[in-house]
Amino acid sequence: MDTVQLAAMLPRNVVFREWVTTFTTDADTVTEDQAVRFVRIVCDIESRRELATNQEAERRFHALLRRPFVAWRDERRRTR
């Protein structure tokens, strides 16, 4: 799976959206659209398709979104 596909799938994942709520102070839930916007803001892109050609955005995606989310998710599973 490439980065663009992963960036398209993550906002549909309820656990990812739950992780995104850890960055908000005014919402208990995050919609899929809000999660998409979160990905775009963090990666500093207009469209997730840019992840295919923008190496810096792809680096941010992995360093600031994917890896921290996976670590959070895995830790959550261990402590349950």
PDB file of N, CA and C in Angstrom:
ATOM      1  N   MET A   1       0.852  -1.180   0.000  1.00  0.00           N
ATOM      2  CA  MET A   1       0.000   0.000   0.000  1.00  0.00           C
ATOM      3  C   MET A   1       0.894   1.239   0.000  1.00  0.00           C
ATOM      4  N   ASP A   2       0.607   2.168  -0.886  1.00  0.00           N
ATOM      5  CA  ASP A   2       1.427   3.378  -0.925  1.00  0.00           C
ATOM      6  C   ASP A   2       0.874   4.432   0.041  1.00  0.00           C
ATOM      7  N   THR A   3       1.618   5.503   0.181  1.00  0.00           N
ATOM      8  CA  THR A   3       1.273   6.549   1.147  1.00  0.00           C
ATOM      9  C   THR A   3      -0.056   7.218   0.827  1.00  0.00           C
ATOM     10  N   VAL A   4      -0.320   7.440  -0.442  1.00  0.00           N
ATOM     11  CA  VAL A   4      -1.586   8.077  -0.826  1.00  0.00           C
ATOM     12  C   VAL A   4      -2.761   7.194  -0.414  1.00  0.00           C
ATOM     13  N   GLN A   5      -2.664   5.907  -0.660  1.00  0.00           N
ATOM     14  CA  GLN A   5      -3.735   4.987  -0.279  1.00  0.00           C
ATOM     15  C   GLN A   5      -3.913   4.970   1.239  1.00  0.00           C
ATOM     16  N   LEU A   6      -2.815   4.939   1.960  1.00  0.00           N
ATOM     17  CA  LEU A   6      -2.888   4.934   3.418  1.00  0.00           C
ATOM     18  C   LEU A   6      -3.516   6.228   3.937  1.00  0.00           C
ATOM     19  N   ALA A   7      -3.141   7.342   3.347  1.00  0.00           N
ATOM     20  CA  ALA A   7      -3.714   8.629   3.761  1.00  0.00           C
ATOM     21  C   ALA A   7      -5.205   8.702   3.461  1.00  0.00           C
ATOM     22  N   ALA A   8      -5.642   7.975   2.447  1.00  0.00           N
ATOM     23  CA  ALA A   8      -7.075   7.934   2.136  1.00  0.00           C
ATOM     24  C   ALA A   8      -7.823   7.014   3.085  1.00  0.00           C
ATOM     25  N   MET A   9      -7.165   5.968   3.548  1.00  0.00           N
ATOM     26  CA  MET A   9      -7.819   4.995   4.428  1.00  0.00           C
ATOM     27  C   MET A   9      -7.890   5.441   5.887  1.00  0.00           C
ATOM     28  N   LEU A  10      -6.850   6.078   6.373  1.00  0.00           N
ATOM     29  CA  LEU A  10      -6.792   6.407   7.799  1.00  0.00           C
ATOM     30  C   LEU A  10      -7.987   7.213   8.302  1.00  0.00           C
ATOM     31  N   PRO A  11      -8.423   8.257   7.615  1.00  0.00           N
ATOM     32  CA  PRO A  11      -9.557   9.026   8.136  1.00  0.00           C
ATOM     33  C   PRO A  11     -10.856   8.215   8.254  1.00  0.00           C
ATOM     34  N   ARG A  12     -10.952   7.117   7.544  1.00  0.00           N
ATOM     35  CA  ARG A  12     -12.134   6.251   7.664  1.00  0.00           C
ATOM     36  C   ARG A  12     -12.051   5.349   8.889  1.00  0.00           C
ATOM     37  N   ASN A  13     -10.871   5.243   9.461  1.00  0.00           N
ATOM     38  CA  ASN A  13     -10.628   4.362  10.602  1.00  0.00           C
ATOM     39  C   ASN A  13     -11.060   5.062  11.890  1.00  0.00           C
ATOM     40  N   VAL A  14     -12.008   4.460  12.594  1.00  0.00           N
ATOM     41  CA  VAL A  14     -12.536   5.080  13.813  1.00  0.00           C
ATOM     42  C   VAL A  14     -11.451   5.234  14.880  1.00  0.00           C
ATOM     43  N   VAL A  15     -10.507   4.326  14.945  1.00  0.00           N
ATOM     44  CA  VAL A  15      -9.428   4.426  15.940  1.00  0.00           C
ATOM     45  C   VAL A  15      -8.507   5.604  15.589  1.00  0.00           C
ATOM     46  N   PHE A  16      -8.231   5.801  14.316  1.00  0.00           N
ATOM     47  CA  PHE A  16      -7.437   6.961  13.899  1.00  0.00           C
ATOM     48  C   PHE A  16      -8.159   8.243  14.284  1.00  0.00           C
ATOM     49  N   ARG A  17      -9.458   8.294  14.033  1.00  0.00           N
ATOM     50  CA  ARG A  17     -10.227   9.498  14.388  1.00  0.00           C
ATOM     51  C   ARG A  17     -10.227   9.720  15.892  1.00  0.00           C
ATOM     52  N   GLU A  18     -10.237   8.650  16.649  1.00  0.00           N
ATOM     53  CA  GLU A  18     -10.151   8.784  18.107  1.00  0.00           C
ATOM     54  C   GLU A  18      -8.797   9.386  18.497  1.00  0.00           C
ATOM     55  N   TRP A  19      -7.735   8.941  17.835  1.00  0.00           N
ATOM     56  CA  TRP A  19      -6.403   9.501  18.081  1.00  0.00           C
ATOM     57  C   TRP A  19      -6.388  10.990  17.742  1.00  0.00           C
ATOM     58  N   VAL A  20      -7.011  11.359  16.642  1.00  0.00           N
ATOM     59  CA  VAL A  20      -7.050  12.771  16.245  1.00  0.00           C
ATOM     60  C   VAL A  20      -7.726  13.609  17.335  1.00  0.00           C
ATOM     61  N   THR A  21      -8.713  13.050  18.023  1.00  0.00           N
ATOM     62  CA  THR A  21      -9.387  13.818  19.086  1.00  0.00           C
ATOM     63  C   THR A  21      -8.438  14.178  20.212  1.00  0.00           C
ATOM     64  N   THR A  22      -7.328  13.454  20.349  1.00  0.00           N
ATOM     65  CA  THR A  22      -6.382  13.790  21.413  1.00  0.00           C
ATOM     66  C   THR A  22      -5.699  15.127  21.157  1.00  0.00           C
ATOM     67  N   PHE A  23      -5.868  15.678  19.953  1.00  0.00           N
ATOM     68  CA  PHE A  23      -5.282  16.968  19.597  1.00  0.00           C
ATOM     69  C   PHE A  23      -6.309  18.091  19.632  1.00  0.00           C
ATOM     70  N   THR A  24      -7.532  17.785  20.042  1.00  0.00           N
ATOM     71  CA  THR A  24      -8.579  18.800  20.093  1.00  0.00           C
ATOM     72  C   THR A  24      -8.985  19.048  21.533  1.00  0.00           C
ATOM     73  N   THR A  25      -9.486  20.219  21.780  1.00  0.00           N
ATOM     74  CA  THR A  25      -9.979  20.535  23.121  1.00  0.00           C
ATOM     75  C   THR A  25     -11.482  20.729  23.136  1.00  0.00           C
ATOM     76  N   ASP A  26     -12.074  20.837  21.958  1.00  0.00           N
ATOM     77  CA  ASP A  26     -13.488  21.170  21.900  1.00  0.00           C
ATOM     78  C   ASP A  26     -14.359  20.078  21.274  1.00  0.00           C
ATOM     79  N   ALA A  27     -13.789  18.883  21.063  1.00  0.00           N
ATOM     80  CA  ALA A  27     -14.589  17.829  20.428  1.00  0.00           C
ATOM     81  C   ALA A  27     -14.260  16.477  21.040  1.00  0.00           C
ATOM     82  N   ASP A  28     -15.310  15.714  21.268  1.00  0.00           N
ATOM     83  CA  ASP A  28     -15.131  14.347  21.747  1.00  0.00           C
ATOM     84  C   ASP A  28     -15.016  13.369  20.592  1.00  0.00           C
ATOM     85  N   THR A  29     -15.485  13.792  19.427  1.00  0.00           N
ATOM     86  CA  THR A  29     -15.418  12.948  18.242  1.00  0.00           C
ATOM     87  C   THR A  29     -14.930  13.778  17.068  1.00  0.00           C
ATOM     88  N   VAL A  30     -14.366  13.083  16.098  1.00  0.00           N
ATOM     89  CA  VAL A  30     -13.890  13.725  14.875  1.00  0.00           C
ATOM     90  C   VAL A  30     -14.525  12.982  13.716  1.00  0.00           C
ATOM     91  N   THR A  31     -15.075  13.728  12.787  1.00  0.00           N
ATOM     92  CA  THR A  31     -15.681  13.112  11.607  1.00  0.00           C
ATOM     93  C   THR A  31     -14.587  12.721  10.612  1.00  0.00           C
ATOM     94  N   GLU A  32     -14.982  11.944   9.632  1.00  0.00           N
ATOM     95  CA  GLU A  32     -14.038  11.567   8.581  1.00  0.00           C
ATOM     96  C   GLU A  32     -13.513  12.810   7.863  1.00  0.00           C
ATOM     97  N   ASP A  33     -14.400  13.747   7.560  1.00  0.00           N
ATOM     98  CA  ASP A  33     -13.975  14.986   6.890  1.00  0.00           C
ATOM     99  C   ASP A  33     -12.991  15.782   7.748  1.00  0.00           C
ATOM    100  N   GLN A  34     -13.235  15.840   9.035  1.00  0.00           N
ATOM    101  CA  GLN A  34     -12.324  16.548   9.927  1.00  0.00           C
ATOM    102  C   GLN A  34     -10.960  15.849   9.974  1.00  0.00           C
ATOM    103  N   ALA A  35     -10.968  14.529   9.966  1.00  0.00           N
ATOM    104  CA  ALA A  35      -9.714  13.773   9.964  1.00  0.00           C
ATOM    105  C   ALA A  35      -8.946  14.005   8.663  1.00  0.00           C
ATOM    106  N   VAL A  36      -9.647  14.098   7.555  1.00  0.00           N
ATOM    107  CA  VAL A  36      -9.004  14.408   6.270  1.00  0.00           C
ATOM    108  C   VAL A  36      -8.337  15.774   6.352  1.00  0.00           C
ATOM    109  N   ARG A  37      -9.042  16.756   6.889  1.00  0.00           N
ATOM    110  CA  ARG A  37      -8.468  18.100   7.036  1.00  0.00           C
ATOM    111  C   ARG A  37      -7.237  18.073   7.944  1.00  0.00           C
ATOM    112  N   PHE A  38      -7.298  17.279   9.003  1.00  0.00           N
ATOM    113  CA  PHE A  38      -6.174  17.130   9.925  1.00  0.00           C
ATOM    114  C   PHE A  38      -4.943  16.618   9.178  1.00  0.00           C
ATOM    115  N   VAL A  39      -5.130  15.595   8.350  1.00  0.00           N
ATOM    116  CA  VAL A  39      -4.018  15.045   7.558  1.00  0.00           C
ATOM    117  C   VAL A  39      -3.445  16.123   6.649  1.00  0.00           C
ATOM    118  N   ARG A  40      -4.299  16.863   5.987  1.00  0.00           N
ATOM    119  CA  ARG A  40      -3.832  17.917   5.071  1.00  0.00           C
ATOM    120  C   ARG A  40      -3.064  19.008   5.812  1.00  0.00           C
ATOM    121  N   ILE A  41      -3.566  19.401   6.963  1.00  0.00           N
ATOM    122  CA  ILE A  41      -2.899  20.449   7.747  1.00  0.00           C
ATOM    123  C   ILE A  41      -1.528  19.968   8.223  1.00  0.00           C
ATOM    124  N   VAL A  42      -1.483  18.793   8.802  1.00  0.00           N
ATOM    125  CA  VAL A  42      -0.219  18.276   9.334  1.00  0.00           C
ATOM    126  C   VAL A  42       0.814  18.097   8.224  1.00  0.00           C
ATOM    127  N   CYS A  43       0.378  17.618   7.085  1.00  0.00           N
ATOM    128  CA  CYS A  43       1.300  17.383   5.969  1.00  0.00           C
ATOM    129  C   CYS A  43       1.546  18.632   5.134  1.00  0.00           C
ATOM    130  N   ASP A  44       0.792  19.697   5.403  1.00  0.00           N
ATOM    131  CA  ASP A  44       0.904  20.963   4.670  1.00  0.00           C
ATOM    132  C   ASP A  44       0.670  20.753   3.178  1.00  0.00           C
ATOM    133  N   ILE A  45      -0.482  20.148   2.873  1.00  0.00           N
ATOM    134  CA  ILE A  45      -0.863  19.853   1.489  1.00  0.00           C
ATOM    135  C   ILE A  45      -2.304  20.270   1.259  1.00  0.00           C
ATOM    136  N   GLU A  46      -2.660  20.449   0.007  1.00  0.00           N
ATOM    137  CA  GLU A  46      -4.034  20.757  -0.377  1.00  0.00           C
ATOM    138  C   GLU A  46      -4.816  19.476  -0.670  1.00  0.00           C
ATOM    139  N   SER A  47      -4.118  18.462  -1.161  1.00  0.00           N
ATOM    140  CA  SER A  47      -4.741  17.199  -1.541  1.00  0.00           C
ATOM    141  C   SER A  47      -3.826  16.053  -1.119  1.00  0.00           C
ATOM    142  N   ARG A  48      -4.421  14.967  -0.669  1.00  0.00           N
ATOM    143  CA  ARG A  48      -3.615  13.821  -0.270  1.00  0.00           C
ATOM    144  C   ARG A  48      -2.841  13.238  -1.443  1.00  0.00           C
ATOM    145  N   ARG A  49      -3.276  13.512  -2.668  1.00  0.00           N
ATOM    146  CA  ARG A  49      -2.542  13.050  -3.862  1.00  0.00           C
ATOM    147  C   ARG A  49      -1.133  13.622  -3.918  1.00  0.00           C
ATOM    148  N   GLU A  50      -0.936  14.768  -3.290  1.00  0.00           N
ATOM    149  CA  GLU A  50       0.393  15.391  -3.271  1.00  0.00           C
ATOM    150  C   GLU A  50       1.428  14.510  -2.584  1.00  0.00           C
ATOM    151  N   LEU A  51       0.974  13.602  -1.745  1.00  0.00           N
ATOM    152  CA  LEU A  51       1.902  12.717  -1.044  1.00  0.00           C
ATOM    153  C   LEU A  51       2.680  11.832  -2.014  1.00  0.00           C
ATOM    154  N   ALA A  52       2.175  11.658  -3.227  1.00  0.00           N
ATOM    155  CA  ALA A  52       2.848  10.840  -4.236  1.00  0.00           C
ATOM    156  C   ALA A  52       4.048  11.568  -4.847  1.00  0.00           C
ATOM    157  N   THR A  53       4.043  12.897  -4.797  1.00  0.00           N
ATOM    158  CA  THR A  53       5.098  13.655  -5.469  1.00  0.00           C
ATOM    159  C   THR A  53       5.866  14.603  -4.555  1.00  0.00           C
ATOM    160  N   ASN A  54       5.364  14.861  -3.385  1.00  0.00           N
ATOM    161  CA  ASN A  54       5.987  15.804  -2.456  1.00  0.00           C
ATOM    162  C   ASN A  54       6.685  15.012  -1.355  1.00  0.00           C
ATOM    163  N   GLN A  55       7.997  14.870  -1.479  1.00  0.00           N
ATOM    164  CA  GLN A  55       8.738  14.034  -0.523  1.00  0.00           C
ATOM    165  C   GLN A  55       8.690  14.574   0.900  1.00  0.00           C
ATOM    166  N   GLU A  56       8.716  15.887   1.052  1.00  0.00           N
ATOM    167  CA  GLU A  56       8.654  16.467   2.397  1.00  0.00           C
ATOM    168  C   GLU A  56       7.287  16.208   3.038  1.00  0.00           C
ATOM    169  N   ALA A  57       6.230  16.306   2.268  1.00  0.00           N
ATOM    170  CA  ALA A  57       4.894  16.012   2.794  1.00  0.00           C
ATOM    171  C   ALA A  57       4.786  14.539   3.167  1.00  0.00           C
ATOM    172  N   GLU A  58       5.359  13.672   2.349  1.00  0.00           N
ATOM    173  CA  GLU A  58       5.336  12.238   2.665  1.00  0.00           C
ATOM    174  C   GLU A  58       6.129  11.964   3.944  1.00  0.00           C
ATOM    175  N   ARG A  59       7.258  12.633   4.110  1.00  0.00           N
ATOM    176  CA  ARG A  59       8.043  12.477   5.337  1.00  0.00           C
ATOM    177  C   ARG A  59       7.227  12.919   6.549  1.00  0.00           C
ATOM    178  N   ARG A  60       6.560  14.079   6.432  1.00  0.00           N
ATOM    179  CA  ARG A  60       5.717  14.554   7.539  1.00  0.00           C
ATOM    180  C   ARG A  60       4.595  13.568   7.843  1.00  0.00           C
ATOM    181  N   PHE A  61       3.993  13.007   6.788  1.00  0.00           N
ATOM    182  CA  PHE A  61       2.920  12.037   6.991  1.00  0.00           C
ATOM    183  C   PHE A  61       3.398  10.888   7.867  1.00  0.00           C
ATOM    184  N   HIS A  62       4.537  10.319   7.525  1.00  0.00           N
ATOM    185  CA  HIS A  62       5.044   9.171   8.279  1.00  0.00           C
ATOM    186  C   HIS A  62       5.547   9.571   9.669  1.00  0.00           C
ATOM    187  N   ALA A  63       6.288  10.670   9.744  1.00  0.00           N
ATOM    188  CA  ALA A  63       6.894  11.078  11.008  1.00  0.00           C
ATOM    189  C   ALA A  63       5.898  11.674  11.996  1.00  0.00           C
ATOM    190  N   LEU A  64       4.919  12.408  11.488  1.00  0.00           N
ATOM    191  CA  LEU A  64       4.006  13.134  12.379  1.00  0.00           C
ATOM    192  C   LEU A  64       2.627  12.506  12.503  1.00  0.00           C
ATOM    193  N   LEU A  65       2.277  11.609  11.585  1.00  0.00           N
ATOM    194  CA  LEU A  65       0.949  10.989  11.633  1.00  0.00           C
ATOM    195  C   LEU A  65       1.022   9.474  11.793  1.00  0.00           C
ATOM    196  N   ARG A  66       1.542   8.805  10.788  1.00  0.00           N
ATOM    197  CA  ARG A  66       1.472   7.342  10.790  1.00  0.00           C
ATOM    198  C   ARG A  66       2.200   6.723  11.981  1.00  0.00           C
ATOM    199  N   ARG A  67       3.471   7.050  12.152  1.00  0.00           N
ATOM    200  CA  ARG A  67       4.230   6.428  13.248  1.00  0.00           C
ATOM    201  C   ARG A  67       3.664   6.761  14.622  1.00  0.00           C
ATOM    202  N   PRO A  68       3.361   8.040  14.919  1.00  0.00           N
ATOM    203  CA  PRO A  68       2.771   8.332  16.231  1.00  0.00           C
ATOM    204  C   PRO A  68       1.410   7.659  16.432  1.00  0.00           C
ATOM    205  N   PHE A  69       0.601   7.612  15.391  1.00  0.00           N
ATOM    206  CA  PHE A  69      -0.692   6.937  15.524  1.00  0.00           C
ATOM    207  C   PHE A  69      -0.508   5.465  15.819  1.00  0.00           C
ATOM    208  N   VAL A  70       0.362   4.782  15.086  1.00  0.00           N
ATOM    209  CA  VAL A  70       0.592   3.346  15.303  1.00  0.00           C
ATOM    210  C   VAL A  70       1.119   3.105  16.714  1.00  0.00           C
ATOM    211  N   ALA A  71       2.028   3.938  17.184  1.00  0.00           N
ATOM    212  CA  ALA A  71       2.558   3.787  18.545  1.00  0.00           C
ATOM    213  C   ALA A  71       1.448   3.965  19.578  1.00  0.00           C
ATOM    214  N   TRP A  72       0.611   4.994  19.387  1.00  0.00           N
ATOM    215  CA  TRP A  72      -0.513   5.240  20.298  1.00  0.00           C
ATOM    216  C   TRP A  72      -1.474   4.061  20.293  1.00  0.00           C
ATOM    217  N   ARG A  73      -1.818   3.595  19.095  1.00  0.00           N
ATOM    218  CA  ARG A  73      -2.747   2.469  18.951  1.00  0.00           C
ATOM    219  C   ARG A  73      -2.195   1.213  19.621  1.00  0.00           C
ATOM    220  N   ASP A  74      -0.926   0.921  19.382  1.00  0.00           N
ATOM    221  CA  ASP A  74      -0.316  -0.276  19.956  1.00  0.00           C
ATOM    222  C   ASP A  74      -0.230  -0.193  21.476  1.00  0.00           C
ATOM    223  N   GLU A  75       0.112   0.977  21.993  1.00  0.00           N
ATOM    224  CA  GLU A  75       0.165   1.166  23.450  1.00  0.00           C
ATOM    225  C   GLU A  75      -1.222   1.006  24.051  1.00  0.00           C
ATOM    226  N   ARG A  76      -2.194   1.530  23.395  1.00  0.00           N
ATOM    227  CA  ARG A  76      -3.586   1.414  23.863  1.00  0.00           C
ATOM    228  C   ARG A  76      -4.022  -0.042  23.933  1.00  0.00           C
ATOM    229  N   ARG A  77      -3.619  -0.814  22.940  1.00  0.00           N
ATOM    230  CA  ARG A  77      -3.960  -2.243  22.930  1.00  0.00           C
ATOM    231  C   ARG A  77      -3.283  -2.978  24.091  1.00  0.00           C
ATOM    232  N   ARG A  78      -2.036  -2.607  24.380  1.00  0.00           N
ATOM    233  CA  ARG A  78      -1.289  -3.265  25.462  1.00  0.00           C
ATOM    234  C   ARG A  78      -1.892  -2.982  26.829  1.00  0.00           C
ATOM    235  N   THR A  79      -2.451  -1.797  26.985  1.00  0.00           N
ATOM    236  CA  THR A  79      -2.942  -1.402  28.316  1.00  0.00           C
ATOM    237  C   THR A  79      -4.410  -1.752  28.539  1.00  0.00           C
ATOM    238  N   ARG A  80      -5.029  -2.349  27.588  1.00  0.00           N
ATOM    239  CA  ARG A  80      -6.447  -2.712  27.747  1.00  0.00           C
ATOM    240  C   ARG A  80      -6.583  -4.087  28.308  1.00  0.00           C
TER     241      ARG A  80
END
